[in-house]
Amino acid sequence: MIDLVSIFNIVLAKHYGLEWEEQVNLQEASEAYRKLSAVKRSQFDVIVTKAVAACEELYRSFPETHRTQLDMDIRAEIEEDIYRKLEPMFWQFLS
């Protein structure tokens, strides 16, 4: 299953230059991705690339530490902004 949380983590992994298909927390999303047709996988990959670019600034604005409640609140707010950007981009892949 590819859900919005998985998409968030896929885009985050790509932001850091990681192969998302190898991430343990994305195993279900990776299996769902492999079940897509080649055309759908290609479309998904293009959208991921666009999403990385669209969310780059937001990912970079995460607090470097999470020591205070304010840091956690800022991160939560940024995550919500990212989710709002990602959902319409990936609507056809969300299950």
N, C-alpha and C. Protein backbone atom coordinates (compact mmCIF):
# COMPACT_ATOMS: atom_id res chain seq x y z
N MET A 1 0.84 -1.18 0.00
CA MET A 1 0.00 0.00 0.00
C MET A 1 0.89 1.25 0.00
N ILE A 2 0.53 2.19 -0.82
CA ILE A 2 1.23 3.47 -0.84
C ILE A 2 0.29 4.51 -0.24
N ASP A 3 0.62 4.96 0.94
CA ASP A 3 -0.20 5.96 1.60
C ASP A 3 0.58 7.27 1.69
N LEU A 4 -0.04 8.29 2.22
CA LEU A 4 0.58 9.61 2.26
C LEU A 4 1.82 9.63 3.15
N VAL A 5 1.81 8.90 4.24
CA VAL A 5 2.98 8.83 5.11
C VAL A 5 4.14 8.18 4.36
N SER A 6 3.84 7.11 3.61
CA SER A 6 4.89 6.45 2.82
C SER A 6 5.44 7.40 1.77
N ILE A 7 4.56 8.13 1.12
CA ILE A 7 5.00 9.09 0.10
C ILE A 7 5.89 10.16 0.73
N PHE A 8 5.49 10.65 1.90
CA PHE A 8 6.32 11.62 2.63
C PHE A 8 7.72 11.04 2.84
N ASN A 9 7.79 9.80 3.29
CA ASN A 9 9.08 9.17 3.57
C ASN A 9 9.86 8.85 2.30
N ILE A 10 9.18 8.53 1.21
CA ILE A 10 9.85 8.29 -0.07
C ILE A 10 10.51 9.58 -0.55
N VAL A 11 9.76 10.66 -0.51
CA VAL A 11 10.30 11.95 -0.95
C VAL A 11 11.44 12.39 -0.03
N LEU A 12 11.29 12.17 1.26
CA LEU A 12 12.36 12.50 2.21
C LEU A 12 13.62 11.69 1.92
N ALA A 13 13.46 10.39 1.67
CA ALA A 13 14.61 9.55 1.34
C ALA A 13 15.31 10.05 0.09
N LYS A 14 14.53 10.38 -0.93
CA LYS A 14 15.11 10.92 -2.17
C LYS A 14 15.81 12.25 -1.91
N HIS A 15 15.24 13.06 -1.03
CA HIS A 15 15.86 14.34 -0.67
C HIS A 15 17.27 14.09 -0.11
N TYR A 16 17.42 13.04 0.67
CA TYR A 16 18.72 12.71 1.26
C TYR A 16 19.57 11.82 0.36
N GLY A 17 19.08 11.51 -0.84
CA GLY A 17 19.85 10.71 -1.79
C GLY A 17 19.86 9.23 -1.49
N LEU A 18 18.85 8.76 -0.77
CA LEU A 18 18.76 7.35 -0.40
C LEU A 18 17.85 6.60 -1.38
N GLU A 19 18.11 5.32 -1.55
CA GLU A 19 17.23 4.46 -2.35
C GLU A 19 16.05 4.06 -1.46
N TRP A 20 14.91 4.65 -1.72
CA TRP A 20 13.77 4.44 -0.84
C TRP A 20 13.29 3.00 -0.83
N GLU A 21 13.48 2.28 -1.95
CA GLU A 21 13.01 0.90 -2.04
C GLU A 21 13.71 -0.01 -1.03
N GLU A 22 14.87 0.43 -0.54
CA GLU A 22 15.65 -0.36 0.41
C GLU A 22 15.37 -0.02 1.87
N GLN A 23 14.53 0.97 2.11
CA GLN A 23 14.23 1.39 3.47
C GLN A 23 13.23 0.43 4.11
N VAL A 24 13.55 -0.05 5.29
CA VAL A 24 12.70 -1.02 5.99
C VAL A 24 11.30 -0.48 6.22
N ASN A 25 11.21 0.80 6.60
CA ASN A 25 9.90 1.37 6.90
C ASN A 25 9.04 1.58 5.66
N LEU A 26 9.61 1.37 4.48
CA LEU A 26 8.87 1.54 3.23
C LEU A 26 8.69 0.23 2.47
N GLN A 27 8.81 -0.88 3.17
CA GLN A 27 8.71 -2.19 2.53
C GLN A 27 7.35 -2.40 1.86
N GLU A 28 6.26 -2.05 2.53
CA GLU A 28 4.93 -2.21 1.94
C GLU A 28 4.76 -1.31 0.71
N ALA A 29 5.25 -0.09 0.80
CA ALA A 29 5.16 0.82 -0.34
C ALA A 29 5.99 0.30 -1.50
N SER A 30 7.14 -0.27 -1.21
CA SER A 30 8.00 -0.83 -2.25
C SER A 30 7.31 -2.00 -2.96
N GLU A 31 6.65 -2.84 -2.18
CA GLU A 31 5.91 -3.97 -2.77
C GLU A 31 4.76 -3.47 -3.64
N ALA A 32 4.04 -2.46 -3.17
CA ALA A 32 2.94 -1.90 -3.95
C ALA A 32 3.48 -1.24 -5.23
N TYR A 33 4.61 -0.59 -5.12
CA TYR A 33 5.24 0.05 -6.28
C TYR A 33 5.60 -0.99 -7.34
N ARG A 34 6.16 -2.11 -6.90
CA ARG A 34 6.55 -3.17 -7.84
C ARG A 34 5.34 -3.77 -8.55
N LYS A 35 4.18 -3.71 -7.95
CA LYS A 35 2.96 -4.24 -8.55
C LYS A 35 2.35 -3.29 -9.59
N LEU A 36 2.81 -2.05 -9.61
CA LEU A 36 2.31 -1.09 -10.59
C LEU A 36 2.83 -1.46 -11.98
N SER A 37 2.10 -1.07 -12.99
CA SER A 37 2.59 -1.27 -14.36
C SER A 37 3.83 -0.41 -14.57
N ALA A 38 4.59 -0.72 -15.60
CA ALA A 38 5.79 0.04 -15.91
C ALA A 38 5.45 1.51 -16.16
N VAL A 39 4.33 1.76 -16.81
CA VAL A 39 3.92 3.13 -17.08
C VAL A 39 3.61 3.86 -15.78
N LYS A 40 2.87 3.21 -14.89
CA LYS A 40 2.52 3.83 -13.61
C LYS A 40 3.77 4.07 -12.75
N ARG A 41 4.71 3.12 -12.76
CA ARG A 41 5.96 3.31 -12.01
C ARG A 41 6.73 4.52 -12.55
N SER A 42 6.75 4.64 -13.87
CA SER A 42 7.43 5.78 -14.49
C SER A 42 6.76 7.09 -14.09
N GLN A 43 5.44 7.12 -14.10
CA GLN A 43 4.70 8.31 -13.69
C GLN A 43 5.00 8.64 -12.23
N PHE A 44 5.00 7.61 -11.39
CA PHE A 44 5.27 7.80 -9.97
C PHE A 44 6.67 8.39 -9.78
N ASP A 45 7.66 7.86 -10.49
CA ASP A 45 9.04 8.34 -10.38
C ASP A 45 9.16 9.81 -10.78
N VAL A 46 8.46 10.19 -11.83
CA VAL A 46 8.48 11.59 -12.28
C VAL A 46 7.89 12.49 -11.20
N ILE A 47 6.78 12.06 -10.62
CA ILE A 47 6.14 12.87 -9.58
C ILE A 47 7.03 12.95 -8.34
N VAL A 48 7.71 11.86 -7.98
CA VAL A 48 8.63 11.90 -6.84
C VAL A 48 9.72 12.93 -7.09
N THR A 49 10.28 12.94 -8.28
CA THR A 49 11.32 13.92 -8.61
C THR A 49 10.79 15.34 -8.48
N LYS A 50 9.59 15.58 -8.97
CA LYS A 50 8.98 16.91 -8.86
C LYS A 50 8.70 17.25 -7.40
N ALA A 51 8.26 16.27 -6.63
CA ALA A 51 7.95 16.50 -5.22
C ALA A 51 9.20 16.84 -4.42
N VAL A 52 10.30 16.17 -4.73
CA VAL A 52 11.56 16.48 -4.04
C VAL A 52 11.90 17.96 -4.27
N ALA A 53 11.80 18.40 -5.51
CA ALA A 53 12.11 19.80 -5.82
C ALA A 53 11.11 20.74 -5.14
N ALA A 54 9.84 20.39 -5.16
CA ALA A 54 8.80 21.25 -4.58
C ALA A 54 8.91 21.37 -3.06
N CYS A 55 9.43 20.32 -2.41
CA CYS A 55 9.50 20.30 -0.95
C CYS A 55 10.90 20.55 -0.41
N GLU A 56 11.85 20.75 -1.28
CA GLU A 56 13.25 20.91 -0.88
C GLU A 56 13.43 21.94 0.23
N GLU A 57 12.88 23.10 0.02
CA GLU A 57 13.04 24.17 1.01
C GLU A 57 12.40 23.80 2.35
N LEU A 58 11.25 23.15 2.29
CA LEU A 58 10.59 22.74 3.53
C LEU A 58 11.41 21.70 4.28
N TYR A 59 11.93 20.70 3.56
CA TYR A 59 12.74 19.68 4.23
C TYR A 59 13.98 20.31 4.86
N ARG A 60 14.58 21.28 4.18
CA ARG A 60 15.78 21.92 4.73
C ARG A 60 15.46 22.81 5.92
N SER A 61 14.20 23.19 6.08
CA SER A 61 13.85 24.07 7.19
C SER A 61 13.49 23.33 8.47
N PHE A 62 13.55 21.99 8.45
CA PHE A 62 13.34 21.24 9.70
C PHE A 62 14.34 21.71 10.74
N PRO A 63 13.92 21.81 11.99
CA PRO A 63 14.89 22.14 13.05
C PRO A 63 16.00 21.09 13.11
N GLU A 64 17.21 21.55 13.32
CA GLU A 64 18.34 20.62 13.36
C GLU A 64 18.30 19.72 14.59
N THR A 65 17.73 20.22 15.66
CA THR A 65 17.59 19.42 16.87
C THR A 65 16.11 19.40 17.26
N HIS A 66 15.79 18.49 18.12
CA HIS A 66 14.41 18.37 18.61
C HIS A 66 14.44 18.35 20.14
N ARG A 67 15.07 19.34 20.69
CA ARG A 67 15.25 19.38 22.14
C ARG A 67 14.09 20.02 22.88
N THR A 68 13.42 20.91 22.22
CA THR A 68 12.36 21.65 22.91
C THR A 68 11.01 21.36 22.27
N GLN A 69 9.98 21.72 22.98
CA GLN A 69 8.63 21.59 22.44
C GLN A 69 8.45 22.48 21.22
N LEU A 70 9.09 23.65 21.25
CA LEU A 70 9.02 24.55 20.10
C LEU A 70 9.61 23.89 18.86
N ASP A 71 10.75 23.19 19.00
CA ASP A 71 11.35 22.46 17.88
C ASP A 71 10.37 21.43 17.32
N MET A 72 9.73 20.71 18.21
CA MET A 72 8.77 19.68 17.78
C MET A 72 7.55 20.32 17.10
N ASP A 73 7.10 21.43 17.63
CA ASP A 73 5.95 22.13 17.03
C ASP A 73 6.30 22.65 15.64
N ILE A 74 7.49 23.20 15.50
CA ILE A 74 7.93 23.70 14.19
C ILE A 74 8.01 22.56 13.19
N ARG A 75 8.59 21.43 13.61
CA ARG A 75 8.68 20.28 12.71
C ARG A 75 7.29 19.79 12.30
N ALA A 76 6.38 19.71 13.25
CA ALA A 76 5.02 19.25 12.94
C ALA A 76 4.34 20.19 11.95
N GLU A 77 4.55 21.47 12.11
CA GLU A 77 3.96 22.44 11.19
C GLU A 77 4.55 22.29 9.78
N ILE A 78 5.84 22.10 9.69
CA ILE A 78 6.49 21.91 8.40
C ILE A 78 6.02 20.61 7.75
N GLU A 79 5.90 19.55 8.55
CA GLU A 79 5.41 18.28 8.01
C GLU A 79 4.01 18.44 7.43
N GLU A 80 3.15 19.17 8.12
CA GLU A 80 1.79 19.41 7.61
C GLU A 80 1.83 20.16 6.28
N ASP A 81 2.73 21.13 6.17
CA ASP A 81 2.87 21.86 4.91
C ASP A 81 3.31 20.91 3.79
N ILE A 82 4.22 20.01 4.11
CA ILE A 82 4.69 19.04 3.11
C ILE A 82 3.56 18.11 2.70
N TYR A 83 2.83 17.59 3.67
CA TYR A 83 1.69 16.71 3.36
C TYR A 83 0.68 17.41 2.45
N ARG A 84 0.43 18.69 2.72
CA ARG A 84 -0.52 19.45 1.88
C ARG A 84 -0.01 19.59 0.45
N LYS A 85 1.29 19.66 0.27
CA LYS A 85 1.85 19.73 -1.08
C LYS A 85 1.82 18.37 -1.77
N LEU A 86 2.10 17.32 -1.01
CA LEU A 86 2.22 15.99 -1.60
C LEU A 86 0.89 15.37 -1.99
N GLU A 87 -0.12 15.57 -1.18
CA GLU A 87 -1.40 14.90 -1.42
C GLU A 87 -1.97 15.14 -2.82
N PRO A 88 -2.07 16.39 -3.28
CA PRO A 88 -2.61 16.56 -4.63
C PRO A 88 -1.68 16.05 -5.73
N MET A 89 -0.40 16.03 -5.47
CA MET A 89 0.55 15.54 -6.47
C MET A 89 0.40 14.03 -6.69
N PHE A 90 0.07 13.30 -5.62
CA PHE A 90 0.05 11.84 -5.66
C PHE A 90 -1.35 11.26 -5.53
N TRP A 91 -2.38 12.04 -5.73
CA TRP A 91 -3.74 11.58 -5.48
C TRP A 91 -4.05 10.27 -6.19
N GLN A 92 -3.53 10.07 -7.39
CA GLN A 92 -3.87 8.86 -8.15
C GLN A 92 -3.18 7.60 -7.61
N PHE A 93 -2.17 7.77 -6.76
CA PHE A 93 -1.45 6.63 -6.22
C PHE A 93 -1.85 6.30 -4.78
N LEU A 94 -2.58 7.17 -4.15
CA LEU A 94 -2.96 6.95 -2.75
C LEU A 94 -4.05 5.90 -2.67
N SER A 95 -3.83 4.93 -1.80
CA SER A 95 -4.83 3.86 -1.66
C SER A 95 -5.47 3.89 -0.29
